[in-house]
Amino acid sequence: METKLTRFDAFLENAKKNKATKKNVKQSLKEFEAYKAQVAREKATNKTAKTAPQKQPIEQDFIK
């Protein structure tokens, strides 16, 4: 009888160790706001890189 109880106790101890902490709503919202800010910064840097003046192609006179 004792061995069955010790196995069950060990199972409960391992379950407590492996139990993941639950995120609360405030923490989830903070992480989402940080993610949105990061995405906005990346888009802003990509826009500034794309709006750099591009070289104009050399016009050629096709009527010769």
Protein backbone atom coordinates (compact mmCIF):
# COMPACT_ATOMS: atom_id res chain seq x y z
CA MET A 1 0.00 0.00 0.00
CA GLU A 2 2.85 2.32 0.78
CA THR A 3 4.40 2.10 -2.68
CA LYS A 4 1.17 3.14 -4.38
CA LEU A 5 0.92 6.24 -2.24
CA THR A 6 4.53 7.27 -2.80
CA ARG A 7 4.08 6.93 -6.56
CA PHE A 8 0.97 9.10 -6.37
CA ASP A 9 2.77 11.67 -4.20
CA ALA A 10 5.64 11.78 -6.68
CA PHE A 11 3.13 12.29 -9.48
CA LEU A 12 1.57 15.23 -7.62
CA GLU A 13 4.98 16.79 -6.92
CA ASN A 14 5.96 16.57 -10.58
CA ALA A 15 2.62 18.04 -11.62
CA LYS A 16 3.19 21.03 -9.32
CA LYS A 17 6.69 21.57 -10.74
CA ASN A 18 5.54 21.38 -14.35
CA LYS A 19 2.45 23.51 -13.93
CA ALA A 20 2.71 26.60 -16.09
CA THR A 21 1.76 29.94 -14.64
CA LYS A 22 -1.33 31.46 -16.15
CA LYS A 23 -1.06 34.90 -17.72
CA ASN A 24 -3.48 37.49 -16.54
CA VAL A 25 -5.26 39.93 -18.82
CA LYS A 26 -3.10 42.93 -17.91
CA GLN A 27 0.13 41.11 -18.74
CA SER A 28 -1.29 39.88 -22.04
CA LEU A 29 -2.36 43.41 -23.00
CA LYS A 30 1.09 44.80 -22.12
CA GLU A 31 2.75 42.21 -24.33
CA PHE A 32 0.34 42.95 -27.17
CA GLU A 33 0.94 46.71 -26.91
CA ALA A 34 4.70 46.11 -27.01
CA TYR A 35 4.25 43.92 -30.08
CA LYS A 36 2.13 46.57 -31.83
CA ALA A 37 4.74 49.24 -31.07
CA GLN A 38 7.51 47.04 -32.46
CA VAL A 39 5.55 46.38 -35.67
CA ALA A 40 4.81 50.10 -36.05
CA ARG A 41 8.52 50.92 -35.65
CA GLU A 42 9.46 48.34 -38.26
CA LYS A 43 6.91 49.72 -40.72
CA ALA A 44 8.15 53.26 -40.13
CA THR A 45 11.75 52.29 -40.83
CA ASN A 46 10.71 50.38 -43.95
CA LYS A 47 8.77 53.41 -45.25
CA THR A 48 11.72 55.73 -44.80
CA ALA A 49 13.96 53.30 -46.63
CA LYS A 50 11.51 52.96 -49.50
CA THR A 51 10.87 56.69 -49.85
CA ALA A 52 14.52 57.41 -50.61
CA PRO A 53 14.84 59.04 -54.03
CA GLN A 54 15.43 56.53 -56.75
CA LYS A 55 17.63 57.14 -59.75
CA GLN A 56 15.77 58.22 -62.84
CA PRO A 57 16.41 56.10 -65.89
CA ILE A 58 18.35 57.80 -68.66
CA GLU A 59 16.00 58.91 -71.39
CA GLN A 60 17.02 57.93 -74.85
CA ASP A 61 16.01 59.53 -78.09
CA PHE A 62 14.36 56.80 -80.13
CA ILE A 63 13.89 59.03 -83.18
CA LYS A 64 17.25 59.14 -84.91
